[in-house]
Protein backbone atom coordinates (compact mmCIF):
# COMPACT_ATOMS: atom_id res chain seq x y z
CA MET A 1 -0.08 -0.12 0.00
CA ARG A 2 2.93 2.65 0.44
CA ARG A 3 4.39 2.22 -2.68
CA PRO A 4 0.72 3.59 -4.73
CA LEU A 5 0.26 6.18 -2.13
CA LEU A 6 4.09 7.63 -2.49
CA SER A 7 3.45 7.40 -6.09
CA SER A 8 0.22 9.07 -5.87
CA ILE A 9 2.26 12.08 -3.89
CA LEU A 10 4.65 12.36 -6.32
CA LEU A 11 1.92 12.67 -9.10
CA ILE A 12 0.25 15.18 -7.24
CA LEU A 13 3.71 17.10 -6.83
CA MET A 14 4.20 17.10 -10.34
CA ALA A 15 0.91 18.16 -11.17
CA MET A 16 1.60 21.23 -8.93
CA PHE A 17 4.81 22.31 -10.34
CA SER A 18 2.98 21.71 -13.97
CA ILE A 19 0.42 23.87 -13.17
CA GLN A 20 2.75 26.68 -11.63
CA TYR A 21 5.61 26.41 -14.45
CA GLY A 22 2.69 26.56 -17.04
CA ALA A 23 1.50 29.87 -15.13
CA SER A 24 5.09 31.40 -14.97
CA ILE A 25 5.17 30.70 -19.05
CA ALA A 26 2.04 32.37 -19.50
CA LYS A 27 2.90 35.25 -17.47
CA GLN A 28 5.86 35.74 -19.77
CA LEU A 29 3.25 35.71 -22.61
CA PHE A 30 1.26 38.90 -20.96
CA PRO A 31 3.71 41.47 -23.67
CA MET A 32 2.90 39.64 -26.27
CA ALA A 33 -0.76 38.04 -26.19
CA GLY A 34 -2.03 40.14 -23.14
CA ALA A 35 -3.75 38.48 -19.84
CA ALA A 36 -6.87 38.10 -21.63
CA GLY A 37 -5.72 36.96 -24.98
CA THR A 38 -2.81 34.54 -23.17
CA THR A 39 -6.27 33.35 -20.67
CA ALA A 40 -8.32 32.65 -23.84
CA LEU A 41 -5.31 30.53 -25.75
CA ARG A 42 -4.86 28.50 -22.42
CA VAL A 43 -8.58 27.79 -22.00
CA SER A 44 -9.53 26.94 -25.57
CA LEU A 45 -6.90 24.99 -26.52
CA SER A 46 -7.10 23.30 -23.42
CA ALA A 47 -10.95 22.45 -24.04
CA LEU A 48 -9.85 21.21 -27.47
CA ILE A 49 -6.99 18.77 -26.15
CA LEU A 50 -9.70 17.19 -23.22
CA LEU A 51 -12.62 17.24 -25.36
CA VAL A 52 -10.52 15.16 -27.80
CA VAL A 53 -8.97 12.87 -25.00
CA ALA A 54 -12.25 12.31 -23.47
CA LYS A 55 -13.94 10.96 -26.71
CA VAL A 56 -16.82 13.34 -25.99
CA TRP A 57 -18.95 12.49 -29.16
CA LYS A 58 -18.81 8.97 -28.16
CA HIS A 59 -20.82 9.47 -24.73
CA LYS A 60 -23.86 11.56 -24.13
CA ILE A 61 -24.72 13.65 -21.14
CA SER A 62 -28.46 14.52 -19.99
CA TRP A 63 -29.79 17.80 -21.00
CA ARG A 64 -30.68 18.27 -17.04
CA SER A 65 -26.85 18.25 -16.29
CA VAL A 66 -26.01 21.01 -19.22
CA PRO A 67 -27.14 24.14 -16.63
CA MET A 68 -24.72 22.67 -13.75
CA ILE A 69 -21.70 21.94 -16.21
CA ALA A 70 -22.24 25.28 -17.54
CA ALA A 71 -21.84 26.93 -14.30
CA TYR A 72 -19.16 24.69 -13.22
CA GLY A 73 -17.56 25.60 -16.49
CA ALA A 74 -18.19 29.44 -16.35
CA SER A 75 -17.17 29.44 -12.94
CA LEU A 76 -13.69 27.94 -14.24
CA GLY A 77 -13.59 30.45 -16.91
CA CYS A 78 -13.94 33.37 -14.78
CA MET A 79 -11.57 32.07 -12.07
CA ASN A 80 -8.91 32.00 -14.93
CA LEU A 81 -9.50 35.27 -16.12
CA LEU A 82 -9.63 37.01 -13.18
CA PHE A 83 -6.13 34.93 -12.05
CA TYR A 84 -4.55 36.32 -14.92
CA PHE A 85 -5.55 39.65 -14.69
CA ALA A 86 -4.18 39.71 -11.12
CA LEU A 87 -0.85 37.92 -12.14
CA GLU A 88 -0.39 40.94 -14.57
CA LYS A 89 0.19 42.96 -11.44
CA ILE A 90 1.33 41.02 -8.46
CA PRO A 91 4.06 37.96 -8.01
CA LEU A 92 2.77 34.66 -8.55
CA GLY A 93 3.38 33.36 -5.39
CA ILE A 94 1.20 36.32 -3.78
CA ALA A 95 -1.65 35.69 -6.49
CA VAL A 96 -1.91 32.12 -5.61
CA ALA A 97 -1.81 32.43 -2.02
CA LEU A 98 -4.94 35.12 -2.27
CA GLU A 99 -6.52 32.83 -4.52
CA PHE A 100 -6.39 30.36 -1.77
CA ILE A 101 -8.93 31.97 0.10
CA GLY A 102 -12.02 30.53 -2.00
CA PRO A 103 -11.78 26.95 -1.43
CA LEU A 104 -10.60 27.68 2.05
CA ALA A 105 -13.97 29.67 2.66
CA VAL A 106 -16.02 27.07 1.25
CA ALA A 107 -14.43 24.55 3.80
CA LEU A 108 -14.96 26.36 6.48
CA LEU A 109 -18.31 27.78 5.61
CA SER A 110 -19.57 24.04 5.39
CA SER A 111 -18.25 23.34 9.06
CA LYS A 112 -19.49 24.21 12.20
CA LYS A 113 -16.43 22.81 14.63
CA ILE A 114 -15.44 25.63 16.94
CA VAL A 115 -11.53 24.49 16.01
CA ASP A 116 -12.04 26.39 12.72
CA LEU A 117 -11.90 29.65 14.25
CA ILE A 118 -7.96 29.53 14.27
CA TRP A 119 -7.93 28.85 10.76
CA VAL A 120 -10.29 31.68 9.91
CA LEU A 121 -7.83 33.86 11.94
CA LEU A 122 -4.66 32.73 10.40
CA ALA A 123 -6.35 33.30 6.66
CA ALA A 124 -7.62 36.72 8.21
CA MET A 125 -4.00 37.61 9.35
CA GLY A 126 -2.42 36.11 5.94
CA ILE A 127 -4.51 38.43 3.74
CA TYR A 128 -3.84 41.24 6.28
CA LEU A 129 -0.19 40.89 5.84
CA ILE A 130 -0.21 40.87 1.90
CA LEU A 131 -2.66 44.32 1.68
CA PRO A 132 -1.08 46.85 0.04
CA LEU A 133 -2.35 49.08 2.83
CA THR A 134 0.40 48.03 5.24
CA PRO A 135 3.87 49.44 4.79
CA ASN A 136 5.69 46.87 3.96
CA ASN A 137 3.64 45.90 1.17
CA SER A 138 3.16 49.99 -0.15
CA ASP A 139 4.45 48.59 -3.76
CA LEU A 140 1.40 46.00 -4.16
CA ASP A 141 -0.70 46.59 -6.57
CA VAL A 142 -3.96 47.05 -5.08
CA THR A 143 -5.98 45.76 -8.09
CA GLY A 144 -4.02 42.91 -8.41
CA VAL A 145 -5.17 41.89 -5.16
CA ILE A 146 -8.70 42.94 -5.56
CA LEU A 147 -8.49 40.81 -8.66
CA ALA A 148 -6.62 37.63 -7.15
CA LEU A 149 -9.45 37.65 -4.47
CA GLY A 150 -12.16 37.55 -6.82
CA ALA A 151 -10.37 34.55 -8.58
CA GLY A 152 -10.54 33.14 -5.24
CA LEU A 153 -14.31 33.47 -5.10
CA PHE A 154 -14.76 32.04 -8.04
CA TRP A 155 -12.34 29.00 -7.61
CA GLY A 156 -14.96 28.38 -4.49
CA LEU A 157 -17.81 28.36 -7.00
CA TYR A 158 -16.01 26.12 -9.42
CA ILE A 159 -15.98 24.01 -6.33
CA VAL A 160 -19.33 24.03 -5.40
CA PHE A 161 -20.90 23.90 -8.97
CA GLY A 162 -17.96 20.89 -9.56
CA LYS A 163 -19.40 18.93 -6.97
CA SER A 164 -22.99 18.79 -8.45
CA ALA A 165 -21.41 18.41 -12.00
CA ALA A 166 -19.35 15.54 -10.96
CA LYS A 167 -22.29 13.56 -10.97
CA SER A 168 -23.28 14.14 -14.50
CA GLY A 169 -21.25 11.37 -15.69
CA ASN A 170 -17.58 10.29 -16.19
CA SER A 171 -14.96 13.07 -14.59
CA LEU A 172 -13.32 13.23 -17.57
CA GLN A 173 -16.18 14.06 -19.92
CA VAL A 174 -17.48 16.63 -17.39
CA THR A 175 -13.91 18.26 -17.12
CA ALA A 176 -13.47 18.25 -20.84
CA TRP A 177 -17.66 20.07 -21.51
CA GLY A 178 -16.48 22.24 -18.14
CA MET A 179 -13.72 23.53 -19.89
CA ALA A 180 -15.73 24.10 -23.15
CA PHE A 181 -17.92 26.36 -21.23
CA ALA A 182 -14.98 28.13 -19.73
CA ALA A 183 -13.82 28.94 -23.35
CA MET A 184 -17.24 30.55 -24.16
CA VAL A 185 -16.33 32.87 -20.86
CA THR A 186 -12.83 33.60 -21.90
CA VAL A 187 -12.86 33.83 -25.70
CA PRO A 188 -14.89 36.65 -25.94
CA PHE A 189 -12.78 38.66 -23.32
CA GLY A 190 -9.59 37.67 -25.47
CA ILE A 191 -11.12 38.86 -28.66
CA LEU A 192 -12.48 42.19 -27.56
CA LEU A 193 -8.99 43.02 -25.81
CA ASN A 194 -6.44 41.05 -27.45
CA GLY A 195 -7.89 40.07 -30.37
CA SER A 196 -5.29 40.92 -33.13
CA GLN A 197 -2.43 39.55 -30.68
CA ILE A 198 -3.58 36.40 -30.49
CA ALA A 199 -4.33 36.14 -34.24
CA ASP A 200 -0.73 35.42 -34.53
CA VAL A 201 -0.52 31.76 -35.44
CA PHE A 202 3.61 32.18 -33.65
CA LEU A 203 1.93 32.47 -30.59
CA LEU A 204 0.08 29.05 -30.78
CA PRO A 205 3.39 26.44 -29.65
CA MET A 206 3.29 28.64 -26.45
CA GLY A 207 -0.34 28.78 -26.24
CA ILE A 208 -0.54 24.79 -26.26
CA LEU A 209 2.46 24.53 -24.19
CA VAL A 210 1.02 26.56 -21.48
CA ALA A 211 -2.67 24.41 -22.06
CA ILE A 212 -1.02 21.33 -21.54
CA LEU A 213 1.18 22.29 -18.66
CA SER A 214 -1.35 24.48 -16.80
CA SER A 215 -4.59 22.18 -17.57
CA ALA A 216 -4.61 18.78 -19.56
CA LEU A 217 -1.45 17.40 -17.93
CA PRO A 218 -2.07 18.25 -14.34
CA TYR A 219 -5.63 17.22 -14.31
CA SER A 220 -4.61 14.04 -15.78
CA LEU A 221 -2.23 13.51 -13.12
CA GLU A 222 -4.21 14.70 -10.33
CA MET A 223 -7.41 11.95 -11.61
CA LYS A 224 -4.54 9.37 -11.69
CA ALA A 225 -3.09 10.21 -7.98
CA LEU A 226 -6.88 10.33 -6.38
CA ARG A 227 -7.52 6.73 -7.01
CA ASN A 228 -4.95 6.01 -4.29
CA LEU A 229 -4.61 9.39 -2.18
CA PRO A 230 -7.50 9.96 0.40
CA MET A 231 -9.02 13.39 -0.15
CA LYS A 232 -7.40 14.75 3.47
CA SER A 233 -3.78 13.96 1.92
CA PHE A 234 -5.07 15.53 -1.21
CA GLY A 235 -5.80 18.65 0.58
CA ILE A 236 -2.79 18.78 2.91
CA LEU A 237 -0.22 18.75 -0.16
CA MET A 238 -2.42 21.25 -2.17
CA SER A 239 -1.61 23.86 0.83
CA LEU A 240 1.79 23.60 -0.57
CA GLU A 241 0.83 25.06 -3.85
CA PRO A 242 1.74 28.95 -2.84
CA VAL A 243 5.19 27.83 -2.19
CA VAL A 244 5.49 26.15 -5.45
CA ALA A 245 4.19 29.36 -6.94
CA THR A 246 6.57 31.68 -5.11
CA LEU A 247 9.26 29.19 -6.09
CA MET A 248 8.08 29.34 -9.96
CA GLY A 249 8.01 32.89 -9.64
CA PHE A 250 11.22 32.92 -8.18
CA LEU A 251 13.23 30.85 -10.83
CA PHE A 252 11.86 32.06 -13.86
CA LEU A 253 10.01 35.24 -13.62
CA GLN A 254 12.78 36.97 -10.77
CA GLU A 255 9.95 37.44 -8.67
CA SER A 256 11.12 37.87 -4.98
CA LEU A 257 8.78 38.77 -1.68
CA SER A 258 9.37 39.95 1.34
CA PHE A 259 9.73 38.47 4.96
CA HIS A 260 6.17 39.54 5.44
CA GLN A 261 4.90 38.47 2.72
CA TRP A 262 6.34 35.12 2.96
CA VAL A 263 4.58 35.07 6.70
CA ALA A 264 1.36 35.84 4.95
CA ILE A 265 1.79 32.99 2.36
CA VAL A 266 2.52 30.29 5.64
CA CYS A 267 -0.89 31.73 7.54
CA VAL A 268 -2.62 30.63 4.35
CA MET A 269 -1.02 27.38 3.89
CA LEU A 270 -0.88 26.60 7.40
CA ALA A 271 -5.08 27.38 7.37
CA SER A 272 -5.40 25.35 4.13
CA ALA A 273 -3.92 22.53 5.88
CA GLY A 274 -5.34 22.75 9.05
CA SER A 275 -9.26 23.05 7.59
CA THR A 276 -8.53 19.60 5.67
CA ILE A 277 -7.22 17.85 8.56
CA SER A 278 -10.31 18.87 10.62
CA HIS A 279 -12.51 18.24 7.97
CA ARG A 280 -11.92 14.58 7.93
């Protein structure tokens, strides 16, 4: 039993590094394609890849499931769009830490345990330490922080709608259709704001790379890992994502954080891990 568990942990870590490395590449695309254009490329290409891999034409989904899958996909699209807009203005590690507030809020709001007040306070402290209103973060963009928190809100909705949508059929097919609906949200913004830029065919290879690294590959790795990995372990491992994002930002984007910003990220990580443990 230990070998499958260790393999699953390795797959989750690989998925995490893939997602954040993909985000670091996406940020380098912003000068050429814009945040909205990069989002449109990533989501639309991811949708095409997943629709083909899932072979959706061979399987039917009930029309009753469409509204929930559409809500799931729209949340995914808005989450990606706001996250990339935030990433345009603030460091990757901080954007991911702020975005984590969404799933953390979903977990905490569904609980009635008194101990969860500790995780709420930790998360609140993390947000406070990141806010540009404090002297240590005076150079941090206020709009970027608000956009990252907005992405977190839609991440929370994505989880809520995703749980219901998952009952509609095979998980890979639901994910593929959800990504298609996400593309319906992001592509119009991409065309409106960066239409002439994303029409450049030379951006296609980087767009495909971002789509694979940020969506197709990590989703596949996570799906395989969850067969042998308890949800409790998955939740605790996911709390490492802000650190992975910060590392990717440092290595590939030359982004560095202050001591107070590191403390803020650790607070969010502890709140996420603690909430996961108390809910299992």
